[in-house]
Amino acid sequence: MSRQALVIVDFQNDYLPDGRMPLEGIQEAIDQASTLLAATRLADIPVVHVRHEFAADDAPFFAPGTAGAAIIDALGPEPHERVFLKRHPNAFRDTGLHAFLGGEEIKSLLIIGAMSHVCIDATVRAAVDLGYDVTVAHDAVATRALTFGETTVPATHVHAAFMSALAFAYAHVVRVQDLLRADK
């Protein structure tokens, strides 16, 4: 079996209800992510955190140096866990993430975080293109409603569309509880 890592993408304060870009279902995703993170740490599986910051101080959210750009306390890194800063949706682009994982001989990734339709989608697809076996814990991922023309797409539909697309050709898409049952 290949060595696995948990990659936590963009669970940051601006996605909370009082943040600059609140997501629907964020608390439920945080709760599931917390459960998975605790189990991962107990199993001594490496944990990697990825945090987004836009380059401009006037960014609509995740502005450099703001509290909104900080990782949510409930999912914060322990001192030995790596944190990568990204400026693009794909967590591998212009970061040291791929080199770090390669150095640790990690071939399998468990990915959680936000948002389903942007950074999770981009990161999962890039990971597969780089040769990783990827699993997404879909109930530890959050998103928001989107508008296309005059159509508003509810967050649950956005999430379902992106998770189903990833499950079709890129990743194993499962619930946190199913992952935890499989480890027993």
C-alpha atoms as a PDB file:
ATOM      1  CA  MET A   1       0.000   0.000   0.000  1.00  0.00           C
ATOM      2  CA  SER A   2       1.302   3.448  -0.864  1.00  0.00           C
ATOM      3  CA  ARG A   3       2.006   6.017   1.783  1.00  0.00           C
ATOM      4  CA  GLN A   4      -0.858   8.479   2.279  1.00  0.00           C
ATOM      5  CA  ALA A   5      -1.173  12.100   3.422  1.00  0.00           C
ATOM      6  CA  LEU A   6      -4.160  14.216   4.391  1.00  0.00           C
ATOM      7  CA  VAL A   7      -4.157  17.498   2.457  1.00  0.00           C
ATOM      8  CA  ILE A   8      -6.369  20.199   3.956  1.00  0.00           C
ATOM      9  CA  VAL A   9      -7.072  22.961   1.443  1.00  0.00           C
ATOM     10  CA  ASP A  10      -8.212  26.476   2.352  1.00  0.00           C
ATOM     11  CA  PHE A  11     -10.174  25.926   5.538  1.00  0.00           C
ATOM     12  CA  GLN A  12      -9.749  29.610   6.374  1.00  0.00           C
ATOM     13  CA  ASN A  13     -11.645  32.170   8.446  1.00  0.00           C
ATOM     14  CA  ASP A  14     -13.059  34.152   5.517  1.00  0.00           C
ATOM     15  CA  TYR A  15     -15.204  31.113   4.686  1.00  0.00           C
ATOM     16  CA  LEU A  16     -16.936  31.224   8.088  1.00  0.00           C
ATOM     17  CA  PRO A  17     -20.400  32.848   8.428  1.00  0.00           C
ATOM     18  CA  ASP A  18     -18.866  36.146   9.598  1.00  0.00           C
ATOM     19  CA  GLY A  19     -16.100  36.086   6.975  1.00  0.00           C
ATOM     20  CA  ARG A  20     -15.804  37.888   3.657  1.00  0.00           C
ATOM     21  CA  MET A  21     -16.801  34.813   1.580  1.00  0.00           C
ATOM     22  CA  PRO A  22     -19.098  32.636   3.720  1.00  0.00           C
ATOM     23  CA  LEU A  23     -19.790  29.140   2.452  1.00  0.00           C
ATOM     24  CA  GLU A  24     -22.942  27.093   2.838  1.00  0.00           C
ATOM     25  CA  GLY A  25     -22.463  24.050   5.034  1.00  0.00           C
ATOM     26  CA  ILE A  26     -19.073  25.235   6.259  1.00  0.00           C
ATOM     27  CA  GLN A  27     -19.674  24.242   9.884  1.00  0.00           C
ATOM     28  CA  GLU A  28     -20.765  20.737   8.898  1.00  0.00           C
ATOM     29  CA  ALA A  29     -17.671  20.400   6.708  1.00  0.00           C
ATOM     30  CA  ILE A  30     -15.463  21.649   9.556  1.00  0.00           C
ATOM     31  CA  ASP A  31     -17.038  19.138  11.941  1.00  0.00           C
ATOM     32  CA  GLN A  32     -16.389  16.250   9.532  1.00  0.00           C
ATOM     33  CA  ALA A  33     -12.885  17.546   8.799  1.00  0.00           C
ATOM     34  CA  SER A  34     -12.131  17.746  12.532  1.00  0.00           C
ATOM     35  CA  THR A  35     -13.194  14.137  12.997  1.00  0.00           C
ATOM     36  CA  LEU A  36     -11.053  13.020  10.071  1.00  0.00           C
ATOM     37  CA  LEU A  37      -8.085  15.136  11.178  1.00  0.00           C
ATOM     38  CA  ALA A  38      -8.164  13.636  14.681  1.00  0.00           C
ATOM     39  CA  ALA A  39      -8.288  10.087  13.289  1.00  0.00           C
ATOM     40  CA  THR A  40      -5.507  10.861  10.819  1.00  0.00           C
ATOM     41  CA  ARG A  41      -3.261  12.232  13.531  1.00  0.00           C
ATOM     42  CA  LEU A  42      -3.925   9.176  15.731  1.00  0.00           C
ATOM     43  CA  ALA A  43      -2.983   6.914  12.822  1.00  0.00           C
ATOM     44  CA  ASP A  44       0.255   8.888  12.362  1.00  0.00           C
ATOM     45  CA  ILE A  45      -0.630   9.800   8.778  1.00  0.00           C
ATOM     46  CA  PRO A  46       1.129  12.957   7.584  1.00  0.00           C
ATOM     47  CA  VAL A  47      -1.026  16.098   7.484  1.00  0.00           C
ATOM     48  CA  VAL A  48      -0.386  18.970   5.111  1.00  0.00           C
ATOM     49  CA  HIS A  49      -2.204  22.309   5.247  1.00  0.00           C
ATOM     50  CA  VAL A  50      -2.627  24.594   2.246  1.00  0.00           C
ATOM     51  CA  ARG A  51      -3.617  28.206   2.779  1.00  0.00           C
ATOM     52  CA  HIS A  52      -4.612  30.708   0.098  1.00  0.00           C
ATOM     53  CA  GLU A  53      -3.669  34.382   0.066  1.00  0.00           C
ATOM     54  CA  PHE A  54      -4.218  36.748  -2.809  1.00  0.00           C
ATOM     55  CA  ALA A  55      -1.254  38.957  -3.646  1.00  0.00           C
ATOM     56  CA  ALA A  56      -3.162  42.264  -3.361  1.00  0.00           C
ATOM     57  CA  ASP A  57      -4.010  43.885  -0.042  1.00  0.00           C
ATOM     58  CA  ASP A  58      -7.420  44.898  -1.451  1.00  0.00           C
ATOM     59  CA  ALA A  59      -8.395  41.308  -2.302  1.00  0.00           C
ATOM     60  CA  PRO A  60     -12.109  40.518  -1.819  1.00  0.00           C
ATOM     61  CA  PHE A  61     -11.137  37.807   0.699  1.00  0.00           C
ATOM     62  CA  PHE A  62      -7.956  36.049   1.890  1.00  0.00           C
ATOM     63  CA  ALA A  63      -6.136  39.386   1.877  1.00  0.00           C
ATOM     64  CA  PRO A  64      -2.502  39.124   3.027  1.00  0.00           C
ATOM     65  CA  GLY A  65      -1.999  39.403   6.764  1.00  0.00           C
ATOM     66  CA  THR A  66      -5.700  39.474   7.651  1.00  0.00           C
ATOM     67  CA  ALA A  67      -7.470  37.282  10.184  1.00  0.00           C
ATOM     68  CA  GLY A  68      -9.681  36.051   7.338  1.00  0.00           C
ATOM     69  CA  ALA A  69      -6.675  34.513   5.589  1.00  0.00           C
ATOM     70  CA  ALA A  70      -5.715  32.494   8.671  1.00  0.00           C
ATOM     71  CA  ILE A  71      -6.511  28.790   8.994  1.00  0.00           C
ATOM     72  CA  ILE A  72      -9.639  28.052  11.032  1.00  0.00           C
ATOM     73  CA  ASP A  73      -8.568  27.354  14.629  1.00  0.00           C
ATOM     74  CA  ALA A  74     -10.385  23.996  14.852  1.00  0.00           C
ATOM     75  CA  LEU A  75      -8.263  22.695  11.972  1.00  0.00           C
ATOM     76  CA  GLY A  76      -5.014  24.490  12.711  1.00  0.00           C
ATOM     77  CA  PRO A  77      -1.680  22.812  12.099  1.00  0.00           C
ATOM     78  CA  GLU A  78       0.408  21.191  14.785  1.00  0.00           C
ATOM     79  CA  PRO A  79       4.038  22.375  14.924  1.00  0.00           C
ATOM     80  CA  HIS A  80       5.376  19.409  12.901  1.00  0.00           C
ATOM     81  CA  GLU A  81       2.753  19.723  10.111  1.00  0.00           C
ATOM     82  CA  ARG A  82       3.695  21.543   6.914  1.00  0.00           C
ATOM     83  CA  VAL A  83       1.768  24.593   5.712  1.00  0.00           C
ATOM     84  CA  PHE A  84       1.979  25.720   2.092  1.00  0.00           C
ATOM     85  CA  LEU A  85       0.926  29.158   0.885  1.00  0.00           C
ATOM     86  CA  LYS A  86      -0.736  29.292  -2.526  1.00  0.00           C
ATOM     87  CA  ARG A  87      -1.924  32.094  -4.761  1.00  0.00           C
ATOM     88  CA  HIS A  88      -3.772  29.971  -7.354  1.00  0.00           C
ATOM     89  CA  PRO A  89      -6.654  27.459  -7.110  1.00  0.00           C
ATOM     90  CA  ASN A  90      -4.334  24.505  -7.785  1.00  0.00           C
ATOM     91  CA  ALA A  91      -2.422  23.788  -4.557  1.00  0.00           C
ATOM     92  CA  PHE A  92       0.483  22.372  -6.572  1.00  0.00           C
ATOM     93  CA  ARG A  93       1.031  25.462  -8.734  1.00  0.00           C
ATOM     94  CA  ASP A  94       4.023  27.546  -7.615  1.00  0.00           C
ATOM     95  CA  THR A  95       4.205  25.836  -4.211  1.00  0.00           C
ATOM     96  CA  GLY A  96       6.562  23.220  -2.826  1.00  0.00           C
ATOM     97  CA  LEU A  97       3.735  20.753  -2.213  1.00  0.00           C
ATOM     98  CA  HIS A  98       4.640  18.243  -4.944  1.00  0.00           C
ATOM     99  CA  ALA A  99       8.339  18.279  -4.014  1.00  0.00           C
ATOM    100  CA  PHE A 100       7.497  17.803  -0.339  1.00  0.00           C
ATOM    101  CA  LEU A 101       5.160  14.870  -1.004  1.00  0.00           C
ATOM    102  CA  GLY A 102       7.727  13.279  -3.305  1.00  0.00           C
ATOM    103  CA  GLY A 103      10.423  13.656  -0.669  1.00  0.00           C
ATOM    104  CA  GLU A 104       8.149  11.892   1.814  1.00  0.00           C
ATOM    105  CA  GLU A 105       7.399   9.149  -0.749  1.00  0.00           C
ATOM    106  CA  ILE A 106       3.683   9.885  -0.536  1.00  0.00           C
ATOM    107  CA  LYS A 107       1.685   8.479  -3.445  1.00  0.00           C
ATOM    108  CA  SER A 108      -1.866   8.658  -2.097  1.00  0.00           C
ATOM    109  CA  LEU A 109      -3.741  11.784  -1.037  1.00  0.00           C
ATOM    110  CA  LEU A 110      -6.866  12.306   1.006  1.00  0.00           C
ATOM    111  CA  ILE A 111      -8.139  15.797   0.169  1.00  0.00           C
ATOM    112  CA  ILE A 112     -10.622  17.965   2.075  1.00  0.00           C
ATOM    113  CA  GLY A 113     -11.349  21.679   2.220  1.00  0.00           C
ATOM    114  CA  ALA A 114     -12.963  24.448   0.215  1.00  0.00           C
ATOM    115  CA  MET A 115     -14.369  25.351  -2.276  1.00  0.00           C
ATOM    116  CA  SER A 116     -15.672  22.310  -4.158  1.00  0.00           C
ATOM    117  CA  HIS A 117     -15.840  24.053  -7.520  1.00  0.00           C
ATOM    118  CA  VAL A 118     -12.514  25.891  -7.423  1.00  0.00           C
ATOM    119  CA  CYS A 119      -9.574  24.841  -5.260  1.00  0.00           C
ATOM    120  CA  ILE A 120     -10.707  21.301  -4.479  1.00  0.00           C
ATOM    121  CA  ASP A 121     -11.491  20.616  -8.132  1.00  0.00           C
ATOM    122  CA  ALA A 122      -8.218  22.170  -9.366  1.00  0.00           C
ATOM    123  CA  THR A 123      -6.094  20.457  -6.723  1.00  0.00           C
ATOM    124  CA  VAL A 124      -7.626  17.008  -7.235  1.00  0.00           C
ATOM    125  CA  ARG A 125      -7.230  17.156 -11.005  1.00  0.00           C
ATOM    126  CA  ALA A 126      -3.621  18.361 -10.707  1.00  0.00           C
ATOM    127  CA  ALA A 127      -2.829  15.648  -8.160  1.00  0.00           C
ATOM    128  CA  VAL A 128      -4.112  12.939 -10.495  1.00  0.00           C
ATOM    129  CA  ASP A 129      -2.162  14.445 -13.392  1.00  0.00           C
ATOM    130  CA  LEU A 130       0.945  14.247 -11.191  1.00  0.00           C
ATOM    131  CA  GLY A 131       0.333  10.538 -10.556  1.00  0.00           C
ATOM    132  CA  TYR A 132      -1.264  10.537  -7.093  1.00  0.00           C
ATOM    133  CA  ASP A 133      -4.100   8.224  -6.103  1.00  0.00           C
ATOM    134  CA  VAL A 134      -6.704  10.636  -4.712  1.00  0.00           C
ATOM    135  CA  THR A 135      -9.610  10.286  -2.317  1.00  0.00           C
ATOM    136  CA  VAL A 136     -11.945  13.169  -1.499  1.00  0.00           C
ATOM    137  CA  ALA A 137     -14.030  13.123   1.689  1.00  0.00           C
ATOM    138  CA  HIS A 138     -16.985  14.985   0.172  1.00  0.00           C
ATOM    139  CA  ASP A 139     -18.699  15.792   3.464  1.00  0.00           C
ATOM    140  CA  ALA A 140     -15.527  17.572   4.628  1.00  0.00           C
ATOM    141  CA  VAL A 141     -15.730  19.938   1.644  1.00  0.00           C
ATOM    142  CA  ALA A 142     -17.858  23.091   1.371  1.00  0.00           C
ATOM    143  CA  THR A 143     -18.906  25.507  -1.359  1.00  0.00           C
ATOM    144  CA  ARG A 144     -21.432  28.216  -2.164  1.00  0.00           C
ATOM    145  CA  ALA A 145     -24.228  28.902  -4.627  1.00  0.00           C
ATOM    146  CA  LEU A 146     -23.154  30.134  -8.055  1.00  0.00           C
ATOM    147  CA  THR A 147     -24.822  32.229 -10.713  1.00  0.00           C
ATOM    148  CA  PHE A 148     -24.553  31.583 -14.432  1.00  0.00           C
ATOM    149  CA  GLY A 149     -26.464  34.087 -16.528  1.00  0.00           C
ATOM    150  CA  GLU A 150     -29.890  34.296 -14.958  1.00  0.00           C
ATOM    151  CA  THR A 151     -29.623  30.899 -13.274  1.00  0.00           C
ATOM    152  CA  THR A 152     -28.671  30.542  -9.636  1.00  0.00           C
ATOM    153  CA  VAL A 153     -27.254  27.110  -8.885  1.00  0.00           C
ATOM    154  CA  PRO A 154     -27.757  26.103  -5.227  1.00  0.00           C
ATOM    155  CA  ALA A 155     -24.626  25.165  -3.277  1.00  0.00           C
ATOM    156  CA  THR A 156     -25.820  21.575  -2.868  1.00  0.00           C
ATOM    157  CA  HIS A 157     -26.076  21.245  -6.653  1.00  0.00           C
ATOM    158  CA  VAL A 158     -22.688  22.889  -7.234  1.00  0.00           C
ATOM    159  CA  HIS A 159     -21.136  20.485  -4.733  1.00  0.00           C
ATOM    160  CA  ALA A 160     -22.901  17.436  -6.183  1.00  0.00           C
ATOM    161  CA  ALA A 161     -21.916  18.345  -9.750  1.00  0.00           C
ATOM    162  CA  PHE A 162     -18.251  18.744  -8.901  1.00  0.00           C
ATOM    163  CA  MET A 163     -18.049  15.691  -6.645  1.00  0.00           C
ATOM    164  CA  SER A 164     -19.788  13.552  -9.279  1.00  0.00           C
ATOM    165  CA  ALA A 165     -17.380  14.800 -11.967  1.00  0.00           C
ATOM    166  CA  LEU A 166     -14.371  14.017  -9.774  1.00  0.00           C
ATOM    167  CA  ALA A 167     -15.803  10.597  -8.920  1.00  0.00           C
ATOM    168  CA  PHE A 168     -16.378   9.868 -12.610  1.00  0.00           C
ATOM    169  CA  ALA A 169     -12.760  10.179 -13.695  1.00  0.00           C
ATOM    170  CA  TYR A 170     -10.409  11.461 -11.014  1.00  0.00           C
ATOM    171  CA  ALA A 171     -10.904  10.380  -7.442  1.00  0.00           C
ATOM    172  CA  HIS A 172     -12.544   8.088  -4.951  1.00  0.00           C
ATOM    173  CA  VAL A 173     -15.259  10.290  -3.450  1.00  0.00           C
ATOM    174  CA  VAL A 174     -16.507   9.048  -0.089  1.00  0.00           C
ATOM    175  CA  ARG A 175     -17.932  10.144   3.260  1.00  0.00           C
ATOM    176  CA  VAL A 176     -15.720  10.635   6.309  1.00  0.00           C
ATOM    177  CA  GLN A 177     -17.544   7.894   8.228  1.00  0.00           C
ATOM    178  CA  ASP A 178     -16.923   5.422   5.400  1.00  0.00           C
ATOM    179  CA  LEU A 179     -13.205   6.238   5.552  1.00  0.00           C
ATOM    180  CA  LEU A 180     -13.138   5.748   9.304  1.00  0.00           C
ATOM    181  CA  ARG A 181     -15.015   2.420   9.061  1.00  0.00           C
ATOM    182  CA  ALA A 182     -12.585   1.213   6.403  1.00  0.00           C
ATOM    183  CA  ASP A 183      -9.637   1.887   8.732  1.00  0.00           C
ATOM    184  CA  LYS A 184     -11.008  -0.414  11.441  1.00  0.00           C
END
